[in-house]
Amino acid sequence: MTKLSVNINKIATLRNSRGGNRPDLLQVARDCERFGADGITVHPRPDERHIRYRDVYDLAGILSTEFNIEGNPQEQKFIDLVLDVCPAQVTLVPDVIGQLTSNHGWDTVREQAYLKEMIAVFKARGIRVSIFVDPDENMVAAAADCGTDRVELYTEAYARGYGRDREQAVAAYVKAAQAASAAGLGLNAGHDLDMDNLRYFKACIPQLLEVSIGHALISDALYFGLHNTIQLYKRQLV
């Protein structure tokens, strides 16, 4: 079954909006695991507007499932953080400083030399590396040449097109997934996947190893409760 990694950035955003420690980020992470999450994802950014670097160190000491840290390795502070924590997986995302949310994948052709260097740094510490890519067969093939273990397909375009024509919306992702399999890469996916579009995506891409979901899952938890919501999402991945 495809693993569900819960992104808890939004929990940190809520906590930070009032100061203090409510909600308790560490307790929420523990509860996500207890409620069935297969992993926890965080995406610390330089301005620490949601996940703080201290949070990452604290989470590393209490998690029992896979820890996935997302971010841009062009920030030395991010590199040092990942090497200190040694999570199960690091997902490299080409965000710029101040970016609201991730909105594109790496150009794995133009950035190949740089990505090779960074991937080697993390793999030398035994950390599995995934890189964020658009659903483009050429970008996926070039990602394999970078030495990455996995790619994470950026799924906003799929989510945006799902309601109009889901077959058309998923077509590029199916081809990208086939390219990943042909290149020997593991396959993750994330961004705007939700309870409406997740099952179809999984059905079309059975080799999917992991999805990382935060915003939609936390929003749904306001209505359904966190425990129930995590179970509802996991049922979409069977």
Protein backbone atom coordinates (compact mmCIF):
# COMPACT_ATOMS: atom_id res chain seq x y z
CA MET A 1 0.00 0.00 0.00
CA THR A 2 1.16 3.53 -0.73
CA LYS A 3 2.42 5.24 2.43
CA LEU A 4 0.79 8.38 3.80
CA SER A 5 3.16 10.98 5.21
CA VAL A 6 1.32 13.77 7.02
CA ASN A 7 2.77 17.24 6.54
CA ILE A 8 2.34 19.14 9.81
CA ASN A 9 3.37 22.61 8.61
CA LYS A 10 -0.18 23.89 9.07
CA ILE A 11 -0.16 22.81 12.71
CA ALA A 12 2.95 24.92 13.22
CA THR A 13 1.31 27.86 11.42
CA LEU A 14 -1.63 27.72 13.83
CA ARG A 15 0.66 27.51 16.85
CA ASN A 16 2.81 30.40 15.67
CA SER A 17 -0.21 32.64 15.09
CA ARG A 18 -0.74 33.02 18.83
CA GLY A 19 2.66 32.22 20.28
CA GLY A 20 3.06 29.66 23.01
CA ASN A 21 2.66 25.98 22.33
CA ARG A 22 -0.97 25.44 21.40
CA PRO A 23 -1.47 23.23 19.53
CA ASP A 24 1.49 21.19 20.71
CA LEU A 25 3.31 20.26 17.50
CA LEU A 26 5.12 17.28 18.99
CA GLN A 27 1.93 15.84 20.43
CA VAL A 28 0.13 16.26 17.12
CA ALA A 29 2.98 14.42 15.37
CA ARG A 30 2.78 11.58 17.90
CA ASP A 31 -0.99 11.43 17.46
CA CYS A 32 -0.70 11.34 13.66
CA GLU A 33 1.54 8.30 14.02
CA ARG A 34 -0.82 6.73 16.56
CA PHE A 35 -3.77 7.35 14.23
CA GLY A 36 -2.10 5.50 11.37
CA ALA A 37 0.20 7.90 9.50
CA ASP A 38 3.16 6.11 7.94
CA GLY A 39 5.41 9.15 8.26
CA ILE A 40 5.69 12.80 9.18
CA THR A 41 6.75 15.52 6.73
CA VAL A 42 7.98 19.03 7.53
CA HIS A 43 9.15 21.81 5.25
CA PRO A 44 11.14 24.37 7.25
CA ARG A 45 11.71 27.67 5.45
CA PRO A 46 14.31 30.33 6.23
CA ASP A 47 11.77 32.72 7.77
CA GLU A 48 10.45 29.92 10.05
CA ARG A 49 6.89 31.11 9.48
CA HIS A 50 5.59 27.64 10.25
CA ILE A 51 8.03 24.82 11.08
CA ARG A 52 10.98 26.13 13.06
CA TYR A 53 14.42 24.59 12.85
CA ARG A 54 14.17 23.76 16.56
CA ASP A 55 10.98 21.82 15.80
CA VAL A 56 12.87 19.57 13.42
CA TYR A 57 15.42 18.63 16.05
CA ASP A 58 12.66 18.02 18.60
CA LEU A 59 10.63 15.89 16.20
CA ALA A 60 13.65 13.77 15.33
CA GLY A 61 13.87 12.69 18.94
CA ILE A 62 10.30 11.45 19.28
CA LEU A 63 9.10 10.05 15.93
CA SER A 64 8.77 6.31 15.39
CA THR A 65 7.74 6.40 11.71
CA GLU A 66 9.63 7.80 8.72
CA PHE A 67 10.68 11.42 8.97
CA ASN A 68 10.74 13.38 5.69
CA ILE A 69 12.31 16.84 5.62
CA GLU A 70 11.59 19.02 2.58
CA GLY A 71 13.49 22.11 1.56
CA ASN A 72 15.93 23.90 -0.69
CA PRO A 73 19.55 22.78 -0.29
CA GLN A 74 20.77 26.17 -1.51
CA GLU A 75 20.39 27.22 2.12
CA GLN A 76 23.42 26.04 4.10
CA LYS A 77 21.32 26.08 7.26
CA PHE A 78 18.98 23.55 5.67
CA ILE A 79 21.88 21.28 4.66
CA ASP A 80 23.31 21.41 8.18
CA LEU A 81 19.89 20.68 9.68
CA VAL A 82 19.33 17.58 7.55
CA LEU A 83 22.83 16.24 8.17
CA ASP A 84 22.42 16.76 11.92
CA VAL A 85 19.02 15.06 12.07
CA CYS A 86 19.61 12.30 9.47
CA PRO A 87 15.93 11.69 8.63
CA ALA A 88 14.78 8.69 6.64
CA GLN A 89 14.27 10.94 3.61
CA VAL A 90 15.13 14.42 2.42
CA THR A 91 13.04 15.88 -0.39
CA LEU A 92 14.83 18.62 -2.32
CA VAL A 93 12.49 21.40 -3.47
CA PRO A 94 13.55 24.45 -5.55
CA ASP A 95 11.79 27.07 -3.44
CA VAL A 96 13.02 30.63 -3.32
CA ILE A 97 13.20 32.68 -0.13
CA GLY A 98 9.77 34.01 0.83
CA GLN A 99 7.86 31.69 -1.48
CA LEU A 100 4.33 31.04 -0.23
CA THR A 101 4.30 27.38 -1.23
CA SER A 102 6.10 25.08 -3.65
CA ASN A 103 5.02 25.77 -7.23
CA HIS A 104 7.44 24.01 -9.58
CA GLY A 105 9.90 21.18 -9.81
CA TRP A 106 13.62 21.14 -10.52
CA ASP A 107 15.02 21.56 -13.99
CA THR A 108 17.05 18.39 -13.64
CA VAL A 109 18.86 19.03 -16.93
CA ARG A 110 20.07 22.56 -16.21
CA GLU A 111 20.69 21.90 -12.51
CA GLN A 112 22.15 18.42 -12.93
CA ALA A 113 25.68 19.14 -11.72
CA TYR A 114 24.41 20.95 -8.63
CA LEU A 115 21.86 18.25 -7.82
CA LYS A 116 24.46 15.50 -8.21
CA GLU A 117 26.65 17.27 -5.68
CA MET A 118 23.87 17.80 -3.16
CA ILE A 119 22.40 14.32 -3.52
CA ALA A 120 25.81 12.78 -2.92
CA VAL A 121 26.19 14.79 0.30
CA PHE A 122 22.96 13.43 1.75
CA LYS A 123 23.35 9.87 0.50
CA ALA A 124 26.80 9.70 2.07
CA ARG A 125 25.01 10.00 5.42
CA GLY A 126 22.59 7.20 4.56
CA ILE A 127 19.65 9.52 3.89
CA ARG A 128 17.25 8.56 1.11
CA VAL A 129 16.90 11.42 -1.38
CA SER A 130 13.83 12.43 -3.35
CA ILE A 131 13.71 15.42 -5.67
CA PHE A 132 10.63 17.44 -6.56
CA VAL A 133 9.90 17.36 -10.31
CA ASP A 134 7.14 18.35 -12.69
CA PRO A 135 5.35 15.52 -14.56
CA ASP A 136 7.78 15.64 -17.46
CA GLU A 137 9.42 12.46 -18.75
CA ASN A 138 12.63 14.29 -19.65
CA MET A 139 12.92 15.81 -16.17
CA VAL A 140 12.36 12.39 -14.61
CA ALA A 141 14.97 10.74 -16.81
CA ALA A 142 17.51 13.45 -16.02
CA ALA A 143 16.70 13.09 -12.32
CA ALA A 144 17.92 9.50 -12.49
CA ASP A 145 21.23 10.78 -13.87
CA CYS A 146 21.55 12.99 -10.77
CA GLY A 147 21.76 9.92 -8.55
CA THR A 148 18.53 10.43 -6.61
CA ASP A 149 16.68 7.51 -5.08
CA ARG A 150 13.21 8.84 -5.80
CA VAL A 151 11.32 11.65 -7.47
CA GLU A 152 8.27 13.38 -6.05
CA LEU A 153 5.80 14.40 -8.72
CA TYR A 154 4.39 17.90 -8.22
CA THR A 155 0.66 17.27 -8.42
CA GLU A 156 -0.94 20.74 -8.44
CA ALA A 157 -1.71 20.54 -12.18
CA TYR A 158 -3.43 17.20 -11.65
CA ALA A 159 -5.49 18.54 -8.76
CA ARG A 160 -6.47 21.65 -10.73
CA GLY A 161 -7.58 19.65 -13.77
CA TYR A 162 -9.20 16.74 -11.96
CA GLY A 163 -12.69 18.24 -11.83
CA ARG A 164 -12.75 19.06 -15.56
CA ASP A 165 -11.26 15.91 -17.08
CA ARG A 166 -9.51 13.54 -14.73
CA GLU A 167 -8.16 11.29 -17.48
CA GLN A 168 -6.49 14.22 -19.18
CA ALA A 169 -5.29 15.59 -15.84
CA VAL A 170 -3.51 12.38 -14.89
CA ALA A 171 -2.10 11.48 -18.33
CA ALA A 172 1.22 13.30 -17.95
CA TYR A 173 1.69 11.79 -14.50
CA VAL A 174 1.19 8.27 -15.79
CA LYS A 175 3.90 8.86 -18.40
CA ALA A 176 6.22 10.41 -15.83
CA ALA A 177 5.62 7.47 -13.49
CA GLN A 178 6.47 5.04 -16.29
CA ALA A 179 9.66 6.99 -16.96
CA ALA A 180 10.56 6.76 -13.27
CA SER A 181 10.03 3.00 -13.26
CA ALA A 182 12.10 2.60 -16.41
CA ALA A 183 14.92 4.58 -14.78
CA GLY A 184 14.77 2.55 -11.58
CA LEU A 185 13.51 5.43 -9.45
CA GLY A 186 11.08 5.22 -6.57
CA LEU A 187 8.01 7.42 -6.93
CA ASN A 188 6.43 9.86 -4.48
CA ALA A 189 3.80 12.53 -5.09
CA GLY A 190 2.47 15.61 -3.38
CA HIS A 191 0.79 19.02 -3.51
CA ASP A 192 -2.98 19.60 -3.46
CA LEU A 193 -3.84 15.92 -3.28
CA ASP A 194 -7.04 15.52 -1.29
CA MET A 195 -9.83 13.12 -0.42
CA ASP A 196 -11.58 13.74 -3.74
CA ASN A 197 -8.69 13.18 -6.16
CA LEU A 198 -6.34 10.83 -4.31
CA ARG A 199 -7.98 7.48 -5.01
CA TYR A 200 -8.02 8.00 -8.78
CA PHE A 201 -4.41 9.15 -8.80
CA LYS A 202 -3.34 6.04 -6.91
CA ALA A 203 -5.40 3.78 -9.19
CA CYS A 204 -3.71 5.23 -12.28
CA ILE A 205 -0.23 5.04 -10.77
CA PRO A 206 -0.06 1.77 -8.81
CA GLN A 207 3.74 2.01 -8.33
CA LEU A 208 3.29 5.07 -6.12
CA LEU A 209 5.32 4.59 -2.93
CA GLU A 210 4.38 7.63 -0.86
CA VAL A 211 2.19 10.71 -0.81
CA SER A 212 2.85 13.73 1.37
CA ILE A 213 -0.33 15.61 2.30
CA GLY A 214 -0.77 18.52 4.65
CA HIS A 215 -3.08 21.40 3.81
CA ALA A 216 -6.09 19.37 2.64
CA LEU A 217 -5.74 16.75 5.36
CA ILE A 218 -5.52 19.28 8.19
CA SER A 219 -8.45 21.22 6.70
CA ASP A 220 -10.56 18.06 6.56
CA ALA A 221 -9.61 17.27 10.16
CA LEU A 222 -11.53 20.39 11.26
CA TYR A 223 -14.71 18.60 10.22
CA PHE A 224 -13.92 14.90 10.60
CA GLY A 225 -11.34 14.87 13.40
CA LEU A 226 -7.67 14.04 12.97
CA HIS A 227 -7.92 10.33 13.70
CA ASN A 228 -10.82 9.77 11.34
CA THR A 229 -9.30 11.94 8.61
CA ILE A 230 -6.01 10.06 8.57
CA GLN A 231 -7.92 6.79 8.27
CA LEU A 232 -10.09 8.21 5.47
CA TYR A 233 -7.00 9.24 3.51
CA LYS A 234 -5.34 5.88 4.03
CA ARG A 235 -8.43 4.17 2.61
CA GLN A 236 -7.96 6.13 -0.61
CA LEU A 237 -4.54 4.52 -1.02
CA VAL A 238 -5.52 0.87 -0.72
